[in-house]
Amino acid sequence: MRKVSVGGLLLVVVILLIFSACATPAGRSTGQVVDDATITTKVKAKIYADDFLKGIAISVKTFQGTVSLIGAVDNEEQKQRAESITRSVHGVAEVNNLLKIK
């Protein structure tokens, strides 16, 4: 049987503590934060690339797959188009469309 040194055991404990501490204050893992950032980036890119929404400042925030759209648009069609684009992005669980019409 193999002997385990105290130093080796201590190293394993330290590594486990480091990995268990990899969470945000909200209790989310690093992977969840990265997933939300990826969703935000994809939504922003699709909105920016859309000719109907080009030039409109829309803020996109994502938390646990729920995307919030914040800003002002010219009409109801733009508001609905932004929501539709957002819903089309993989990983979006819910959309809070907080866009206001100017």
C-alpha atoms as a PDB file:
ATOM      1  CA  MET A   1       0.000   0.000   0.000  1.00  0.00           C
ATOM      2  CA  ARG A   2       1.223   3.465  -0.878  1.00  0.00           C
ATOM      3  CA  LYS A   3       2.011   5.968   1.870  1.00  0.00           C
ATOM      4  CA  VAL A   4       0.423   9.408   1.618  1.00  0.00           C
ATOM      5  CA  SER A   5       2.584  12.244   2.814  1.00  0.00           C
ATOM      6  CA  VAL A   6       1.198  15.067   4.920  1.00  0.00           C
ATOM      7  CA  GLY A   7       2.406  17.562   2.296  1.00  0.00           C
ATOM      8  CA  GLY A   8       0.569  15.721  -0.484  1.00  0.00           C
ATOM      9  CA  LEU A   9      -2.613  15.561   1.565  1.00  0.00           C
ATOM     10  CA  LEU A  10      -2.320  19.258   2.386  1.00  0.00           C
ATOM     11  CA  LEU A  11      -1.882  20.061  -1.309  1.00  0.00           C
ATOM     12  CA  VAL A  12      -5.057  18.155  -2.206  1.00  0.00           C
ATOM     13  CA  VAL A  13      -7.012  19.990   0.516  1.00  0.00           C
ATOM     14  CA  VAL A  14      -5.751  23.374  -0.708  1.00  0.00           C
ATOM     15  CA  ILE A  15      -6.699  22.567  -4.314  1.00  0.00           C
ATOM     16  CA  LEU A  16     -10.186  21.495  -3.231  1.00  0.00           C
ATOM     17  CA  LEU A  17     -10.624  24.708  -1.247  1.00  0.00           C
ATOM     18  CA  ILE A  18      -9.547  26.818  -4.231  1.00  0.00           C
ATOM     19  CA  PHE A  19     -12.012  25.129  -6.570  1.00  0.00           C
ATOM     20  CA  SER A  20     -14.862  25.320  -4.074  1.00  0.00           C
ATOM     21  CA  ALA A  21     -14.230  29.063  -3.731  1.00  0.00           C
ATOM     22  CA  CYS A  22     -14.724  29.661  -7.462  1.00  0.00           C
ATOM     23  CA  ALA A  23     -18.168  31.183  -7.119  1.00  0.00           C
ATOM     24  CA  THR A  24     -19.476  34.721  -7.321  1.00  0.00           C
ATOM     25  CA  PRO A  25     -21.062  36.494  -4.351  1.00  0.00           C
ATOM     26  CA  ALA A  26     -24.431  35.576  -5.890  1.00  0.00           C
ATOM     27  CA  GLY A  27     -23.443  31.905  -5.616  1.00  0.00           C
ATOM     28  CA  ARG A  28     -22.947  31.427  -9.348  1.00  0.00           C
ATOM     29  CA  SER A  29     -20.116  29.425 -10.803  1.00  0.00           C
ATOM     30  CA  THR A  30     -17.552  30.819 -13.199  1.00  0.00           C
ATOM     31  CA  GLY A  31     -19.176  28.771 -15.958  1.00  0.00           C
ATOM     32  CA  GLN A  32     -22.562  30.389 -15.341  1.00  0.00           C
ATOM     33  CA  VAL A  33     -21.022  33.851 -15.516  1.00  0.00           C
ATOM     34  CA  VAL A  34     -19.288  32.955 -18.785  1.00  0.00           C
ATOM     35  CA  ASP A  35     -22.537  31.526 -20.205  1.00  0.00           C
ATOM     36  CA  ASP A  36     -24.379  34.761 -19.404  1.00  0.00           C
ATOM     37  CA  ALA A  37     -21.585  36.850 -20.939  1.00  0.00           C
ATOM     38  CA  THR A  38     -21.742  34.719 -24.094  1.00  0.00           C
ATOM     39  CA  ILE A  39     -25.512  35.187 -24.348  1.00  0.00           C
ATOM     40  CA  THR A  40     -25.124  38.951 -23.890  1.00  0.00           C
ATOM     41  CA  THR A  41     -22.481  39.121 -26.619  1.00  0.00           C
ATOM     42  CA  LYS A  42     -24.573  37.093 -29.068  1.00  0.00           C
ATOM     43  CA  VAL A  43     -27.699  39.188 -28.433  1.00  0.00           C
ATOM     44  CA  LYS A  44     -25.780  42.459 -28.856  1.00  0.00           C
ATOM     45  CA  ALA A  45     -24.188  41.226 -32.084  1.00  0.00           C
ATOM     46  CA  LYS A  46     -27.543  40.172 -33.573  1.00  0.00           C
ATOM     47  CA  ILE A  47     -29.239  43.431 -32.591  1.00  0.00           C
ATOM     48  CA  TYR A  48     -26.339  45.481 -33.978  1.00  0.00           C
ATOM     49  CA  ALA A  49     -26.387  43.538 -37.257  1.00  0.00           C
ATOM     50  CA  ASP A  50     -30.136  44.032 -37.733  1.00  0.00           C
ATOM     51  CA  ASP A  51     -30.851  46.847 -40.221  1.00  0.00           C
ATOM     52  CA  PHE A  52     -34.195  47.667 -38.553  1.00  0.00           C
ATOM     53  CA  LEU A  53     -32.452  48.309 -35.197  1.00  0.00           C
ATOM     54  CA  LYS A  54     -29.177  49.765 -36.454  1.00  0.00           C
ATOM     55  CA  GLY A  55     -28.160  52.931 -34.616  1.00  0.00           C
ATOM     56  CA  ILE A  56     -30.426  52.354 -31.609  1.00  0.00           C
ATOM     57  CA  ALA A  57     -28.748  52.116 -28.214  1.00  0.00           C
ATOM     58  CA  ILE A  58     -30.064  49.013 -26.480  1.00  0.00           C
ATOM     59  CA  SER A  59     -28.426  47.821 -23.285  1.00  0.00           C
ATOM     60  CA  VAL A  60     -28.366  44.042 -22.824  1.00  0.00           C
ATOM     61  CA  LYS A  61     -27.915  42.443 -19.409  1.00  0.00           C
ATOM     62  CA  THR A  62     -28.061  38.704 -18.716  1.00  0.00           C
ATOM     63  CA  PHE A  63     -28.434  36.906 -15.398  1.00  0.00           C
ATOM     64  CA  GLN A  64     -28.948  33.142 -15.262  1.00  0.00           C
ATOM     65  CA  GLY A  65     -30.238  33.058 -18.833  1.00  0.00           C
ATOM     66  CA  THR A  66     -32.738  35.879 -18.321  1.00  0.00           C
ATOM     67  CA  VAL A  67     -31.983  38.753 -20.669  1.00  0.00           C
ATOM     68  CA  SER A  68     -33.084  42.316 -19.917  1.00  0.00           C
ATOM     69  CA  LEU A  69     -33.312  44.813 -22.758  1.00  0.00           C
ATOM     70  CA  ILE A  70     -33.043  48.436 -21.622  1.00  0.00           C
ATOM     71  CA  GLY A  71     -33.169  51.618 -23.681  1.00  0.00           C
ATOM     72  CA  ALA A  72     -35.422  53.600 -25.973  1.00  0.00           C
ATOM     73  CA  VAL A  73     -36.686  52.741 -29.445  1.00  0.00           C
ATOM     74  CA  ASP A  74     -38.691  54.713 -31.995  1.00  0.00           C
ATOM     75  CA  ASN A  75     -41.742  52.453 -32.216  1.00  0.00           C
ATOM     76  CA  GLU A  76     -43.444  49.261 -31.061  1.00  0.00           C
ATOM     77  CA  GLU A  77     -42.139  47.317 -34.070  1.00  0.00           C
ATOM     78  CA  GLN A  78     -38.530  47.973 -33.037  1.00  0.00           C
ATOM     79  CA  LYS A  79     -39.330  46.942 -29.471  1.00  0.00           C
ATOM     80  CA  GLN A  80     -40.848  43.658 -30.654  1.00  0.00           C
ATOM     81  CA  ARG A  81     -38.039  43.053 -33.163  1.00  0.00           C
ATOM     82  CA  ALA A  82     -35.413  43.403 -30.412  1.00  0.00           C
ATOM     83  CA  GLU A  83     -37.302  40.923 -28.254  1.00  0.00           C
ATOM     84  CA  SER A  84     -37.696  38.486 -31.142  1.00  0.00           C
ATOM     85  CA  ILE A  85     -33.985  38.623 -31.936  1.00  0.00           C
ATOM     86  CA  THR A  86     -33.153  38.066 -28.269  1.00  0.00           C
ATOM     87  CA  ARG A  87     -35.433  35.028 -28.005  1.00  0.00           C
ATOM     88  CA  SER A  88     -33.708  33.495 -31.046  1.00  0.00           C
ATOM     89  CA  VAL A  89     -30.347  33.296 -29.247  1.00  0.00           C
ATOM     90  CA  HIS A  90     -29.461  29.869 -27.857  1.00  0.00           C
ATOM     91  CA  GLY A  91     -29.416  29.852 -24.067  1.00  0.00           C
ATOM     92  CA  VAL A  92     -31.954  32.626 -23.523  1.00  0.00           C
ATOM     93  CA  ALA A  93     -34.481  31.349 -20.995  1.00  0.00           C
ATOM     94  CA  GLU A  94     -36.539  34.512 -20.575  1.00  0.00           C
ATOM     95  CA  VAL A  95     -36.652  38.097 -21.886  1.00  0.00           C
ATOM     96  CA  ASN A  96     -37.478  41.188 -19.837  1.00  0.00           C
ATOM     97  CA  ASN A  97     -38.270  43.744 -22.511  1.00  0.00           C
ATOM     98  CA  LEU A  98     -37.896  47.045 -20.673  1.00  0.00           C
ATOM     99  CA  LEU A  99     -37.482  49.078 -23.858  1.00  0.00           C
ATOM    100  CA  LYS A 100     -39.390  52.383 -23.879  1.00  0.00           C
ATOM    101  CA  ILE A 101     -40.855  54.008 -26.955  1.00  0.00           C
ATOM    102  CA  LYS A 102     -39.572  57.567 -27.502  1.00  0.00           C
END
